[in-house]
Amino acid sequence: MFESTHAFSGFSVDDIDAARTFYRDTLGLRVEDNAMGFLNIHLATGGTILVYPKADHVPATYTILNFPVDDVDKAVDELNARGVKTKIYDGEFTDERGIARPADPSWGPVICWFTDPAGNVLSVLES
């Protein structure tokens, strides 16, 4: 039924201009305004993510986007240099920079979370 469709994901933000600046200028992604005034974020893999404004936006309480990287430490350094706060979770499972390093690889990858200006949770994780 869906084998010939081009599925895509989407999420809301409370400020479309702040989202455009963050995803385009801070993260360096290709971002375009579409005809409805929404944003299309184009991924290197060919996928597209729709970002739309919502007056009563509530940030997602889960990770909405994961960016696989070769080196989480390097990615965190680059994010911090661009003004992105990566220490968003307190507790013993993350270090002082917000990086979680599972003792057992079966528990998951090395990962670090951060938020966009609307409070949505994103991550970089070692692939």
PDB file of N, CA and C in Angstrom:
ATOM      1  N   MET A   1       0.812  -1.196   0.000  1.00  0.00           N
ATOM      2  CA  MET A   1       0.000   0.000   0.000  1.00  0.00           C
ATOM      3  C   MET A   1       0.861   1.267   0.000  1.00  0.00           C
ATOM      4  N   PHE A   2       1.938   1.293   0.811  1.00  0.00           N
ATOM      5  CA  PHE A   2       2.752   2.501   0.912  1.00  0.00           C
ATOM      6  C   PHE A   2       4.094   2.385   0.193  1.00  0.00           C
ATOM      7  N   GLU A   3       4.308   1.330  -0.533  1.00  0.00           N
ATOM      8  CA  GLU A   3       5.611   1.119  -1.147  1.00  0.00           C
ATOM      9  C   GLU A   3       6.002   2.176  -2.168  1.00  0.00           C
ATOM     10  N   SER A   4       5.049   2.893  -2.718  1.00  0.00           N
ATOM     11  CA  SER A   4       5.388   3.904  -3.717  1.00  0.00           C
ATOM     12  C   SER A   4       5.272   5.330  -3.175  1.00  0.00           C
ATOM     13  N   THR A   5       5.058   5.488  -1.871  1.00  0.00           N
ATOM     14  CA  THR A   5       4.948   6.832  -1.305  1.00  0.00           C
ATOM     15  C   THR A   5       6.277   7.300  -0.764  1.00  0.00           C
ATOM     16  N   HIS A   6       6.398   8.579  -0.638  1.00  0.00           N
ATOM     17  CA  HIS A   6       7.583   9.185  -0.045  1.00  0.00           C
ATOM     18  C   HIS A   6       7.175   9.688   1.337  1.00  0.00           C
ATOM     19  N   ALA A   7       7.357   8.861   2.347  1.00  0.00           N
ATOM     20  CA  ALA A   7       6.983   9.236   3.711  1.00  0.00           C
ATOM     21  C   ALA A   7       7.984  10.249   4.257  1.00  0.00           C
ATOM     22  N   PHE A   8       7.528  11.054   5.183  1.00  0.00           N
ATOM     23  CA  PHE A   8       8.405  12.015   5.839  1.00  0.00           C
ATOM     24  C   PHE A   8       7.903  12.236   7.254  1.00  0.00           C
ATOM     25  N   SER A   9       8.772  12.775   8.075  1.00  0.00           N
ATOM     26  CA  SER A   9       8.434  13.051   9.457  1.00  0.00           C
ATOM     27  C   SER A   9       8.254  14.550   9.633  1.00  0.00           C
ATOM     28  N   GLY A  10       7.641  14.931  10.724  1.00  0.00           N
ATOM     29  CA  GLY A  10       7.463  16.342  11.013  1.00  0.00           C
ATOM     30  C   GLY A  10       7.327  16.575  12.500  1.00  0.00           C
ATOM     31  N   PHE A  11       7.574  17.799  12.908  1.00  0.00           N
ATOM     32  CA  PHE A  11       7.408  18.187  14.305  1.00  0.00           C
ATOM     33  C   PHE A  11       7.127  19.679  14.373  1.00  0.00           C
ATOM     34  N   SER A  12       6.599  20.113  15.511  1.00  0.00           N
ATOM     35  CA  SER A  12       6.229  21.518  15.680  1.00  0.00           C
ATOM     36  C   SER A  12       7.287  22.293  16.449  1.00  0.00           C
ATOM     37  N   VAL A  13       7.233  23.605  16.269  1.00  0.00           N
ATOM     38  CA  VAL A  13       8.057  24.561  17.015  1.00  0.00           C
ATOM     39  C   VAL A  13       7.183  25.760  17.354  1.00  0.00           C
ATOM     40  N   ASP A  14       7.629  26.554  18.295  1.00  0.00           N
ATOM     41  CA  ASP A  14       6.866  27.744  18.654  1.00  0.00           C
ATOM     42  C   ASP A  14       7.326  28.994  17.928  1.00  0.00           C
ATOM     43  N   ASP A  15       8.489  28.929  17.269  1.00  0.00           N
ATOM     44  CA  ASP A  15       9.042  30.089  16.560  1.00  0.00           C
ATOM     45  C   ASP A  15       9.747  29.587  15.301  1.00  0.00           C
ATOM     46  N   ILE A  16       9.105  29.751  14.160  1.00  0.00           N
ATOM     47  CA  ILE A  16       9.641  29.216  12.903  1.00  0.00           C
ATOM     48  C   ILE A  16      10.946  29.910  12.502  1.00  0.00           C
ATOM     49  N   ASP A  17      11.063  31.215  12.800  1.00  0.00           N
ATOM     50  CA  ASP A  17      12.298  31.931  12.463  1.00  0.00           C
ATOM     51  C   ASP A  17      13.478  31.425  13.285  1.00  0.00           C
ATOM     52  N   ALA A  18      13.259  31.195  14.589  1.00  0.00           N
ATOM     53  CA  ALA A  18      14.319  30.654  15.439  1.00  0.00           C
ATOM     54  C   ALA A  18      14.704  29.249  14.985  1.00  0.00           C
ATOM     55  N   ALA A  19      13.719  28.453  14.587  1.00  0.00           N
ATOM     56  CA  ALA A  19      13.996  27.102  14.093  1.00  0.00           C
ATOM     57  C   ALA A  19      14.820  27.158  12.812  1.00  0.00           C
ATOM     58  N   ARG A  20      14.453  28.041  11.898  1.00  0.00           N
ATOM     59  CA  ARG A  20      15.202  28.178  10.641  1.00  0.00           C
ATOM     60  C   ARG A  20      16.664  28.501  10.933  1.00  0.00           C
ATOM     61  N   THR A  21      16.888  29.486  11.790  1.00  0.00           N
ATOM     62  CA  THR A  21      18.249  29.898  12.131  1.00  0.00           C
ATOM     63  C   THR A  21      19.022  28.759  12.782  1.00  0.00           C
ATOM     64  N   PHE A  22      18.400  28.052  13.712  1.00  0.00           N
ATOM     65  CA  PHE A  22      19.070  26.969  14.416  1.00  0.00           C
ATOM     66  C   PHE A  22      19.435  25.823  13.474  1.00  0.00           C
ATOM     67  N   TYR A  23      18.465  25.329  12.731  1.00  0.00           N
ATOM     68  CA  TYR A  23      18.729  24.169  11.886  1.00  0.00           C
ATOM     69  C   TYR A  23      19.636  24.507  10.701  1.00  0.00           C
ATOM     70  N   ARG A  24      19.498  25.717  10.164  1.00  0.00           N
ATOM     71  CA  ARG A  24      20.323  26.121   9.019  1.00  0.00           C
ATOM     72  C   ARG A  24      21.703  26.610   9.465  1.00  0.00           C
ATOM     73  N   ASP A  25      21.730  27.599  10.343  1.00  0.00           N
ATOM     74  CA  ASP A  25      22.988  28.258  10.678  1.00  0.00           C
ATOM     75  C   ASP A  25      23.779  27.549  11.769  1.00  0.00           C
ATOM     76  N   THR A  26      23.096  27.072  12.798  1.00  0.00           N
ATOM     77  CA  THR A  26      23.801  26.411  13.897  1.00  0.00           C
ATOM     78  C   THR A  26      24.166  24.972  13.544  1.00  0.00           C
ATOM     79  N   LEU A  27      23.210  24.213  13.027  1.00  0.00           N
ATOM     80  CA  LEU A  27      23.492  22.812  12.704  1.00  0.00           C
ATOM     81  C   LEU A  27      24.020  22.609  11.286  1.00  0.00           C
ATOM     82  N   GLY A  28      23.862  23.603  10.429  1.00  0.00           N
ATOM     83  CA  GLY A  28      24.405  23.512   9.075  1.00  0.00           C
ATOM     84  C   GLY A  28      23.615  22.643   8.122  1.00  0.00           C
ATOM     85  N   LEU A  29      22.325  22.456   8.403  1.00  0.00           N
ATOM     86  CA  LEU A  29      21.488  21.647   7.525  1.00  0.00           C
ATOM     87  C   LEU A  29      20.898  22.499   6.405  1.00  0.00           C
ATOM     88  N   ARG A  30      20.500  21.853   5.326  1.00  0.00           N
ATOM     89  CA  ARG A  30      19.850  22.575   4.225  1.00  0.00           C
ATOM     90  C   ARG A  30      18.373  22.740   4.586  1.00  0.00           C
ATOM     91  N   VAL A  31      17.966  23.983   4.749  1.00  0.00           N
ATOM     92  CA  VAL A  31      16.609  24.314   5.177  1.00  0.00           C
ATOM     93  C   VAL A  31      15.977  25.224   4.134  1.00  0.00           C
ATOM     94  N   GLU A  32      14.765  24.880   3.733  1.00  0.00           N
ATOM     95  CA  GLU A  32      14.024  25.696   2.765  1.00  0.00           C
ATOM     96  C   GLU A  32      12.642  26.019   3.317  1.00  0.00           C
ATOM     97  N   ASP A  33      12.173  27.213   2.998  1.00  0.00           N
ATOM     98  CA  ASP A  33      10.790  27.568   3.317  1.00  0.00           C
ATOM     99  C   ASP A  33       9.911  26.960   2.237  1.00  0.00           C
ATOM    100  N   ASN A  34       8.782  26.380   2.637  1.00  0.00           N
ATOM    101  CA  ASN A  34       7.883  25.850   1.620  1.00  0.00           C
ATOM    102  C   ASN A  34       6.712  26.814   1.406  1.00  0.00           C
ATOM    103  N   ALA A  35       5.835  26.494   0.485  1.00  0.00           N
ATOM    104  CA  ALA A  35       4.736  27.381   0.090  1.00  0.00           C
ATOM    105  C   ALA A  35       3.752  27.676   1.218  1.00  0.00           C
ATOM    106  N   MET A  36       3.700  26.807   2.229  1.00  0.00           N
ATOM    107  CA  MET A  36       2.768  27.006   3.342  1.00  0.00           C
ATOM    108  C   MET A  36       3.385  27.801   4.487  1.00  0.00           C
ATOM    109  N   GLY A  37       4.653  28.222   4.328  1.00  0.00           N
ATOM    110  CA  GLY A  37       5.332  28.940   5.394  1.00  0.00           C
ATOM    111  C   GLY A  37       5.974  28.024   6.416  1.00  0.00           C
ATOM    112  N   PHE A  38       6.041  26.754   6.095  1.00  0.00           N
ATOM    113  CA  PHE A  38       6.698  25.782   6.962  1.00  0.00           C
ATOM    114  C   PHE A  38       8.142  25.625   6.493  1.00  0.00           C
ATOM    115  N   LEU A  39       8.923  24.846   7.216  1.00  0.00           N
ATOM    116  CA  LEU A  39      10.300  24.570   6.825  1.00  0.00           C
ATOM    117  C   LEU A  39      10.432  23.131   6.359  1.00  0.00           C
ATOM    118  N   ASN A  40      11.245  22.924   5.358  1.00  0.00           N
ATOM    119  CA  ASN A  40      11.655  21.593   4.935  1.00  0.00           C
ATOM    120  C   ASN A  40      13.140  21.479   5.248  1.00  0.00           C
ATOM    121  N   ILE A  41      13.482  20.532   6.121  1.00  0.00           N
ATOM    122  CA  ILE A  41      14.878  20.250   6.417  1.00  0.00           C
ATOM    123  C   ILE A  41      15.267  19.070   5.549  1.00  0.00           C
ATOM    124  N   HIS A  42      16.281  19.266   4.726  1.00  0.00           N
ATOM    125  CA  HIS A  42      16.732  18.218   3.813  1.00  0.00           C
ATOM    126  C   HIS A  42      17.943  17.512   4.414  1.00  0.00           C
ATOM    127  N   LEU A  43      17.865  16.197   4.517  1.00  0.00           N
ATOM    128  CA  LEU A  43      18.938  15.401   5.090  1.00  0.00           C
ATOM    129  C   LEU A  43      19.847  14.856   3.998  1.00  0.00           C
ATOM    130  N   ALA A  44      21.080  14.592   4.344  1.00  0.00           N
ATOM    131  CA  ALA A  44      22.053  14.067   3.386  1.00  0.00           C
ATOM    132  C   ALA A  44      21.607  12.729   2.811  1.00  0.00           C
ATOM    133  N   THR A  45      20.790  11.992   3.547  1.00  0.00           N
ATOM    134  CA  THR A  45      20.322  10.678   3.090  1.00  0.00           C
ATOM    135  C   THR A  45      19.192  10.784   2.071  1.00  0.00           C
ATOM    136  N   GLY A  46      18.732  12.012   1.815  1.00  0.00           N
ATOM    137  CA  GLY A  46      17.653  12.210   0.868  1.00  0.00           C
ATOM    138  C   GLY A  46      16.302  12.430   1.501  1.00  0.00           C
ATOM    139  N   GLY A  47      16.197  12.230   2.772  1.00  0.00           N
ATOM    140  CA  GLY A  47      14.928  12.436   3.466  1.00  0.00           C
ATOM    141  C   GLY A  47      14.652  13.907   3.729  1.00  0.00           C
ATOM    142  N   THR A  48      13.397  14.193   4.013  1.00  0.00           N
ATOM    143  CA  THR A  48      12.968  15.548   4.336  1.00  0.00           C
ATOM    144  C   THR A  48      12.144  15.519   5.612  1.00  0.00           C
ATOM    145  N   ILE A  49      12.338  16.523   6.439  1.00  0.00           N
ATOM    146  CA  ILE A  49      11.582  16.661   7.677  1.00  0.00           C
ATOM    147  C   ILE A  49      10.819  17.974   7.612  1.00  0.00           C
ATOM    148  N   LEU A  50       9.537  17.924   7.917  1.00  0.00           N
ATOM    149  CA  LEU A  50       8.679  19.109   7.919  1.00  0.00           C
ATOM    150  C   LEU A  50       8.678  19.716   9.320  1.00  0.00           C
ATOM    151  N   VAL A  51       8.923  21.017   9.398  1.00  0.00           N
ATOM    152  CA  VAL A  51       8.872  21.740  10.669  1.00  0.00           C
ATOM    153  C   VAL A  51       7.794  22.800  10.516  1.00  0.00           C
ATOM    154  N   TYR A  52       6.839  22.799  11.428  1.00  0.00           N
ATOM    155  CA  TYR A  52       5.706  23.702  11.308  1.00  0.00           C
ATOM    156  C   TYR A  52       5.476  24.465  12.616  1.00  0.00           C
ATOM    157  N   PRO A  53       5.022  25.709  12.511  1.00  0.00           N
ATOM    158  CA  PRO A  53       4.754  26.487  13.715  1.00  0.00           C
ATOM    159  C   PRO A  53       3.438  26.045  14.355  1.00  0.00           C
ATOM    160  N   LYS A  54       3.410  26.085  15.667  1.00  0.00           N
ATOM    161  CA  LYS A  54       2.209  25.726  16.398  1.00  0.00           C
ATOM    162  C   LYS A  54       2.131  26.643  17.620  1.00  0.00           C
ATOM    163  N   ALA A  55       1.069  27.428  17.689  1.00  0.00           N
ATOM    164  CA  ALA A  55       0.931  28.419  18.758  1.00  0.00           C
ATOM    165  C   ALA A  55       0.967  27.792  20.141  1.00  0.00           C
ATOM    166  N   ASP A  56       0.371  26.628  20.306  1.00  0.00           N
ATOM    167  CA  ASP A  56       0.353  25.977  21.618  1.00  0.00           C
ATOM    168  C   ASP A  56       1.367  24.826  21.684  1.00  0.00           C
ATOM    169  N   HIS A  57       2.487  25.016  21.002  1.00  0.00           N
ATOM    170  CA  HIS A  57       3.549  24.005  20.954  1.00  0.00           C
ATOM    171  C   HIS A  57       3.968  23.580  22.356  1.00  0.00           C
ATOM    172  N   VAL A  58       4.134  22.285  22.521  1.00  0.00           N
ATOM    173  CA  VAL A  58       4.703  21.697  23.733  1.00  0.00           C
ATOM    174  C   VAL A  58       5.890  20.862  23.259  1.00  0.00           C
ATOM    175  N   PRO A  59       7.090  21.104  23.802  1.00  0.00           N
ATOM    176  CA  PRO A  59       8.252  20.335  23.351  1.00  0.00           C
ATOM    177  C   PRO A  59       8.048  18.837  23.526  1.00  0.00           C
ATOM    178  N   ALA A  60       8.576  18.092  22.594  1.00  0.00           N
ATOM    179  CA  ALA A  60       8.518  16.632  22.682  1.00  0.00           C
ATOM    180  C   ALA A  60       9.301  16.175  23.908  1.00  0.00           C
ATOM    181  N   THR A  61       8.805  15.176  24.591  1.00  0.00           N
ATOM    182  CA  THR A  61       9.482  14.633  25.773  1.00  0.00           C
ATOM    183  C   THR A  61      10.362  13.438  25.407  1.00  0.00           C
ATOM    184  N   TYR A  62      10.609  13.272  24.141  1.00  0.00           N
ATOM    185  CA  TYR A  62      11.423  12.178  23.622  1.00  0.00           C
ATOM    186  C   TYR A  62      12.317  12.745  22.531  1.00  0.00           C
ATOM    187  N   THR A  63      13.283  11.971  22.089  1.00  0.00           N
ATOM    188  CA  THR A  63      14.211  12.424  21.050  1.00  0.00           C
ATOM    189  C   THR A  63      13.513  12.393  19.696  1.00  0.00           C
ATOM    190  N   ILE A  64      13.413  13.553  19.043  1.00  0.00           N
ATOM    191  CA  ILE A  64      12.721  13.620  17.755  1.00  0.00           C
ATOM    192  C   ILE A  64      13.654  13.429  16.566  1.00  0.00           C
ATOM    193  N   LEU A  65      14.936  13.757  16.742  1.00  0.00           N
ATOM    194  CA  LEU A  65      15.917  13.585  15.667  1.00  0.00           C
ATOM    195  C   LEU A  65      17.219  13.062  16.251  1.00  0.00           C
ATOM    196  N   ASN A  66      17.788  12.073  15.603  1.00  0.00           N
ATOM    197  CA  ASN A  66      19.085  11.513  15.987  1.00  0.00           C
ATOM    198  C   ASN A  66      20.049  11.711  14.832  1.00  0.00           C
ATOM    199  N   PHE A  67      21.208  12.253  15.124  1.00  0.00           N
ATOM    200  CA  PHE A  67      22.222  12.471  14.101  1.00  0.00           C
ATOM    201  C   PHE A  67      23.394  11.523  14.352  1.00  0.00           C
ATOM    202  N   PRO A  68      23.532  10.459  13.546  1.00  0.00           N
ATOM    203  CA  PRO A  68      24.675   9.557  13.695  1.00  0.00           C
ATOM    204  C   PRO A  68      25.970  10.288  13.307  1.00  0.00           C
ATOM    205  N   VAL A  69      26.991  10.124  14.136  1.00  0.00           N
ATOM    206  CA  VAL A  69      28.299  10.738  13.886  1.00  0.00           C
ATOM    207  C   VAL A  69      29.382   9.694  14.167  1.00  0.00           C
ATOM    208  N   ASP A  70      30.563   9.932  13.618  1.00  0.00           N
ATOM    209  CA  ASP A  70      31.682   9.023  13.861  1.00  0.00           C
ATOM    210  C   ASP A  70      32.258   9.202  15.264  1.00  0.00           C
ATOM    211  N   ASP A  71      32.220  10.445  15.780  1.00  0.00           N
ATOM    212  CA  ASP A  71      32.867  10.759  17.050  1.00  0.00           C
ATOM    213  C   ASP A  71      31.979  11.720  17.840  1.00  0.00           C
ATOM    214  N   VAL A  72      31.315  11.217  18.877  1.00  0.00           N
ATOM    215  CA  VAL A  72      30.415  12.047  19.677  1.00  0.00           C
ATOM    216  C   VAL A  72      31.181  13.171  20.375  1.00  0.00           C
ATOM    217  N   ASP A  73      32.379  12.878  20.877  1.00  0.00           N
ATOM    218  CA  ASP A  73      33.149  13.924  21.565  1.00  0.00           C
ATOM    219  C   ASP A  73      33.423  15.103  20.642  1.00  0.00           C
ATOM    220  N   LYS A  74      33.824  14.817  19.430  1.00  0.00           N
ATOM    221  CA  LYS A  74      34.088  15.882  18.453  1.00  0.00           C
ATOM    222  C   LYS A  74      32.799  16.634  18.122  1.00  0.00           C
ATOM    223  N   ALA A  75      31.702  15.922  17.931  1.00  0.00           N
ATOM    224  CA  ALA A  75      30.416  16.563  17.626  1.00  0.00           C
ATOM    225  C   ALA A  75      29.972  17.461  18.773  1.00  0.00           C
ATOM    226  N   VAL A  76      30.146  17.002  20.013  1.00  0.00           N
ATOM    227  CA  VAL A  76      29.779  17.812  21.178  1.00  0.00           C
ATOM    228  C   VAL A  76      30.646  19.057  21.253  1.00  0.00           C
ATOM    229  N   ASP A  77      31.949  18.915  20.979  1.00  0.00           N
ATOM    230  CA  ASP A  77      32.832  20.093  20.954  1.00  0.00           C
ATOM    231  C   ASP A  77      32.329  21.112  19.938  1.00  0.00           C
ATOM    232  N   GLU A  78      31.953  20.638  18.755  1.00  0.00           N
ATOM    233  CA  GLU A  78      31.465  21.540  17.706  1.00  0.00           C
ATOM    234  C   GLU A  78      30.133  22.182  18.096  1.00  0.00           C
ATOM    235  N   LEU A  79      29.229  21.399  18.677  1.00  0.00           N
ATOM    236  CA  LEU A  79      27.949  21.961  19.124  1.00  0.00           C
ATOM    237  C   LEU A  79      28.167  23.016  20.202  1.00  0.00           C
ATOM    238  N   ASN A  80      29.005  22.710  21.187  1.00  0.00           N
ATOM    239  CA  ASN A  80      29.279  23.667  22.260  1.00  0.00           C
ATOM    240  C   ASN A  80      29.911  24.940  21.710  1.00  0.00           C
ATOM    241  N   ALA A  81      30.818  24.814  20.728  1.00  0.00           N
ATOM    242  CA  ALA A  81      31.452  25.983  20.111  1.00  0.00           C
ATOM    243  C   ALA A  81      30.433  26.854  19.378  1.00  0.00           C
ATOM    244  N   ARG A  82      29.337  26.242  18.941  1.00  0.00           N
ATOM    245  CA  ARG A  82      28.275  26.982  18.248  1.00  0.00           C
ATOM    246  C   ARG A  82      27.201  27.478  19.214  1.00  0.00           C
ATOM    247  N   GLY A  83      27.446  27.320  20.509  1.00  0.00           N
ATOM    248  CA  GLY A  83      26.522  27.827  21.512  1.00  0.00           C
ATOM    249  C   GLY A  83      25.427  26.869  21.937  1.00  0.00           C
ATOM    250  N   VAL A  84      25.522  25.617  21.535  1.00  0.00           N
ATOM    251  CA  VAL A  84      24.499  24.631  21.884  1.00  0.00           C
ATOM    252  C   VAL A  84      24.857  23.984  23.214  1.00  0.00           C
ATOM    253  N   LYS A  85      23.926  24.014  24.151  1.00  0.00           N
ATOM    254  CA  LYS A  85      24.100  23.381  25.456  1.00  0.00           C
ATOM    255  C   LYS A  85      23.789  21.891  25.314  1.00  0.00           C
ATOM    256  N   THR A  86      24.750  21.056  25.686  1.00  0.00           N
ATOM    257  CA  THR A  86      24.557  19.611  25.548  1.00  0.00           C
ATOM    258  C   THR A  86      24.327  18.905  26.876  1.00  0.00           C
ATOM    259  N   LYS A  87      24.457  19.584  27.964  1.00  0.00           N
ATOM    260  CA  LYS A  87      24.198  18.963  29.269  1.00  0.00           C
ATOM    261  C   LYS A  87      22.763  19.288  29.655  1.00  0.00           C
ATOM    262  N   ILE A  88      21.812  18.453  29.181  1.00  0.00           N
ATOM    263  CA  ILE A  88      20.399  18.723  29.471  1.00  0.00           C
ATOM    264  C   ILE A  88      19.808  17.733  30.462  1.00  0.00           C
ATOM    265  N   TYR A  89      20.524  16.631  30.719  1.00  0.00           N
ATOM    266  CA  TYR A  89      20.053  15.646  31.686  1.00  0.00           C
ATOM    267  C   TYR A  89      21.048  15.566  32.834  1.00  0.00           C
ATOM    268  N   ASP A  90      20.550  15.617  34.045  1.00  0.00           N
ATOM    269  CA  ASP A  90      21.394  15.422  35.217  1.00  0.00           C
ATOM    270  C   ASP A  90      21.333  13.958  35.614  1.00  0.00           C
ATOM    271  N   GLY A  91      22.337  13.556  36.359  1.00  0.00           N
ATOM    272  CA  GLY A  91      22.342  12.181  36.829  1.00  0.00           C
ATOM    273  C   GLY A  91      23.649  11.502  36.514  1.00  0.00           C
ATOM    274  N   GLU A  92      23.764  10.305  36.984  1.00  0.00           N
ATOM    275  CA  GLU A  92      25.023   9.584  36.865  1.00  0.00           C
ATOM    276  C   GLU A  92      25.254   8.969  35.492  1.00  0.00           C
ATOM    277  N   PHE A  93      24.244   8.972  34.627  1.00  0.00           N
ATOM    278  CA  PHE A  93      24.437   8.308  33.337  1.00  0.00           C
ATOM    279  C   PHE A  93      25.085   9.211  32.282  1.00  0.00           C
ATOM    280  N   THR A  94      25.255  10.508  32.573  1.00  0.00           N
ATOM    281  CA  THR A  94      25.952  11.398  31.637  1.00  0.00           C
ATOM    282  C   THR A  94      27.122  12.070  32.336  1.00  0.00           C
ATOM    283  N   ASP A  95      28.138  12.416  31.550  1.00  0.00           N
ATOM    284  CA  ASP A  95      29.295  13.119  32.113  1.00  0.00           C
ATOM    285  C   ASP A  95      29.025  14.620  32.152  1.00  0.00           C
ATOM    286  N   GLU A  96      30.049  15.402  32.490  1.00  0.00           N
ATOM    287  CA  GLU A  96      29.882  16.849  32.646  1.00  0.00           C
ATOM    288  C   GLU A  96      29.503  17.567  31.345  1.00  0.00           C
ATOM    289  N   ARG A  97      29.718  16.940  30.201  1.00  0.00           N
ATOM    290  CA  ARG A  97      29.334  17.536  28.912  1.00  0.00           C
ATOM    291  C   ARG A  97      28.009  16.994  28.400  1.00  0.00           C
ATOM    292  N   GLY A  98      27.407  16.043  29.132  1.00  0.00           N
ATOM    293  CA  GLY A  98      26.123  15.481  28.740  1.00  0.00           C
ATOM    294  C   GLY A  98      26.211  14.209  27.931  1.00  0.00           C
ATOM    295  N   ILE A  99      27.393  13.644  27.828  1.00  0.00           N
ATOM    296  CA  ILE A  99      27.587  12.430  27.028  1.00  0.00           C
ATOM    297  C   ILE A  99      27.341  11.193  27.886  1.00  0.00           C
ATOM    298  N   ALA A 100      26.509  10.298  27.377  1.00  0.00           N
ATOM    299  CA  ALA A 100      26.267   9.006  28.032  1.00  0.00           C
ATOM    300  C   ALA A 100      27.144   7.963  27.354  1.00  0.00           C
ATOM    301  N   ARG A 101      27.895   7.239  28.178  1.00  0.00           N
ATOM    302  CA  ARG A 101      28.799   6.210  27.678  1.00  0.00           C
ATOM    303  C   ARG A 101      28.441   4.886  28.358  1.00  0.00           C
ATOM    304  N   PRO A 102      27.543   4.123  27.762  1.00  0.00           N
ATOM    305  CA  PRO A 102      27.127   2.869  28.392  1.00  0.00           C
ATOM    306  C   PRO A 102      28.313   1.940  28.630  1.00  0.00           C
ATOM    307  N   ALA A 103      28.377   1.377  29.833  1.00  0.00           N
ATOM    308  CA  ALA A 103      29.459   0.446  30.169  1.00  0.00           C
ATOM    309  C   ALA A 103      29.372  -0.821  29.331  1.00  0.00           C
ATOM    310  N   ASP A 104      28.161  -1.186  28.995  1.00  0.00           N
ATOM    311  CA  ASP A 104      27.915  -2.380  28.190  1.00  0.00           C
ATOM    312  C   ASP A 104      27.344  -1.915  26.852  1.00  0.00           C
ATOM    313  N   PRO A 105      28.037  -2.191  25.730  1.00  0.00           N
ATOM    314  CA  PRO A 105      27.558  -1.739  24.415  1.00  0.00           C
ATOM    315  C   PRO A 105      26.146  -2.219  24.067  1.00  0.00           C
ATOM    316  N   SER A 106      25.689  -3.298  24.686  1.00  0.00           N
ATOM    317  CA  SER A 106      24.331  -3.762  24.393  1.00  0.00           C
ATOM    318  C   SER A 106      23.275  -2.820  24.967  1.00  0.00           C
ATOM    319  N   TRP A 107      23.679  -1.892  25.837  1.00  0.00           N
ATOM    320  CA  TRP A 107      22.741  -0.921  26.408  1.00  0.00           C
ATOM    321  C   TRP A 107      22.489   0.236  25.462  1.00  0.00           C
ATOM    322  N   GLY A 108      23.292   0.358  24.400  1.00  0.00           N
ATOM    323  CA  GLY A 108      23.108   1.427  23.432  1.00  0.00           C
ATOM    324  C   GLY A 108      24.411   2.111  23.088  1.00  0.00           C
ATOM    325  N   PRO A 109      24.354   3.064  22.166  1.00  0.00           N
ATOM    326  CA  PRO A 109      25.557   3.746  21.698  1.00  0.00           C
ATOM    327  C   PRO A 109      25.978   4.877  22.639  1.00  0.00           C
ATOM    328  N   VAL A 110      27.179   5.375  22.422  1.00  0.00           N
ATOM    329  CA  VAL A 110      27.602   6.625  23.058  1.00  0.00           C
ATOM    330  C   VAL A 110      26.713   7.701  22.453  1.00  0.00           C
ATOM    331  N   ILE A 111      26.075   8.509  23.299  1.00  0.00           N
ATOM    332  CA  ILE A 111      25.063   9.452  22.828  1.00  0.00           C
ATOM    333  C   ILE A 111      25.071  10.717  23.677  1.00  0.00           C
ATOM    334  N   CYS A 112      24.674  11.813  23.067  1.00  0.00           N
ATOM    335  CA  CYS A 112      24.542  13.081  23.778  1.00  0.00           C
ATOM    336  C   CYS A 112      23.308  13.800  23.257  1.00  0.00           C
ATOM    337  N   TRP A 113      22.515  14.324  24.179  1.00  0.00           N
ATOM    338  CA  TRP A 113      21.284  15.006  23.816  1.00  0.00           C
ATOM    339  C   TRP A 113      21.429  16.513  23.936  1.00  0.00           C
ATOM    340  N   PHE A 114      20.638  17.227  23.150  1.00  0.00           N
ATOM    341  CA  PHE A 114      20.570  18.687  23.215  1.00  0.00           C
ATOM    342  C   PHE A 114      19.183  19.083  22.730  1.00  0.00           C
ATOM    343  N   THR A 115      18.845  20.360  22.842  1.00  0.00           N
ATOM    344  CA  THR A 115      17.512  20.798  22.417  1.00  0.00           C
ATOM    345  C   THR A 115      17.600  21.875  21.355  1.00  0.00           C
ATOM    346  N   ASP A 116      16.536  21.976  20.571  1.00  0.00           N
ATOM    347  CA  ASP A 116      16.410  23.086  19.629  1.00  0.00           C
ATOM    348  C   ASP A 116      15.790  24.267  20.380  1.00  0.00           C
ATOM    349  N   PRO A 117      15.656  25.444  19.751  1.00  0.00           N
ATOM    350  CA  PRO A 117      15.100  26.603  20.463  1.00  0.00           C
ATOM    351  C   PRO A 117      13.680  26.390  20.987  1.00  0.00           C
ATOM    352  N   ALA A 118      12.937  25.443  20.418  1.00  0.00           N
ATOM    353  CA  ALA A 118      11.571  25.166  20.871  1.00  0.00           C
ATOM    354  C   ALA A 118      11.540  24.148  22.009  1.00  0.00           C
ATOM    355  N   GLY A 119      12.716  23.633  22.409  1.00  0.00           N
ATOM    356  CA  GLY A 119      12.777  22.667  23.498  1.00  0.00           C
ATOM    357  C   GLY A 119      12.668  21.216  23.065  1.00  0.00           C
ATOM    358  N   ASN A 120      12.568  20.954  21.753  1.00  0.00           N
ATOM    359  CA  ASN A 120      12.526  19.579  21.257  1.00  0.00           C
ATOM    360  C   ASN A 120      13.893  18.926  21.450  1.00  0.00           C
ATOM    361  N   VAL A 121      13.912  17.658  21.812  1.00  0.00           N
ATOM    362  CA  VAL A 121      15.146  16.940  22.106  1.00  0.00           C
ATOM    363  C   VAL A 121      15.719  16.303  20.837  1.00  0.00           C
ATOM    364  N   LEU A 122      17.031  16.522  20.637  1.00  0.00           N
ATOM    365  CA  LEU A 122      17.794  15.964  19.517  1.00  0.00           C
ATOM    366  C   LEU A 122      18.984  15.218  20.115  1.00  0.00           C
ATOM    367  N   SER A 123      19.666  14.427  19.308  1.00  0.00           N
ATOM    368  CA  SER A 123      20.869  13.768  19.807  1.00  0.00           C
ATOM    369  C   SER A 123      21.906  13.606  18.710  1.00  0.00           C
ATOM    370  N   VAL A 124      23.150  13.457  19.152  1.00  0.00           N
ATOM    371  CA  VAL A 124      24.221  12.940  18.308  1.00  0.00           C
ATOM    372  C   VAL A 124      24.618  11.608  18.944  1.00  0.00           C
ATOM    373  N   LEU A 125      24.808  10.605  18.117  1.00  0.00           N
ATOM    374  CA  LEU A 125      25.171   9.289  18.647  1.00  0.00           C
ATOM    375  C   LEU A 125      26.169   8.634  17.722  1.00  0.00           C
ATOM    376  N   GLU A 126      27.052   7.855  18.325  1.00  0.00           N
ATOM    377  CA  GLU A 126      28.078   7.185  17.529  1.00  0.00           C
ATOM    378  C   GLU A 126      27.465   6.054  16.740  1.00  0.00           C
ATOM    379  N   SER A 127      27.788   6.048  15.461  1.00  0.00           N
ATOM    380  CA  SER A 127      27.227   5.039  14.571  1.00  0.00           C
ATOM    381  C   SER A 127      28.246   3.930  14.315  1.00  0.00           C
TER     382      SER A 127
END
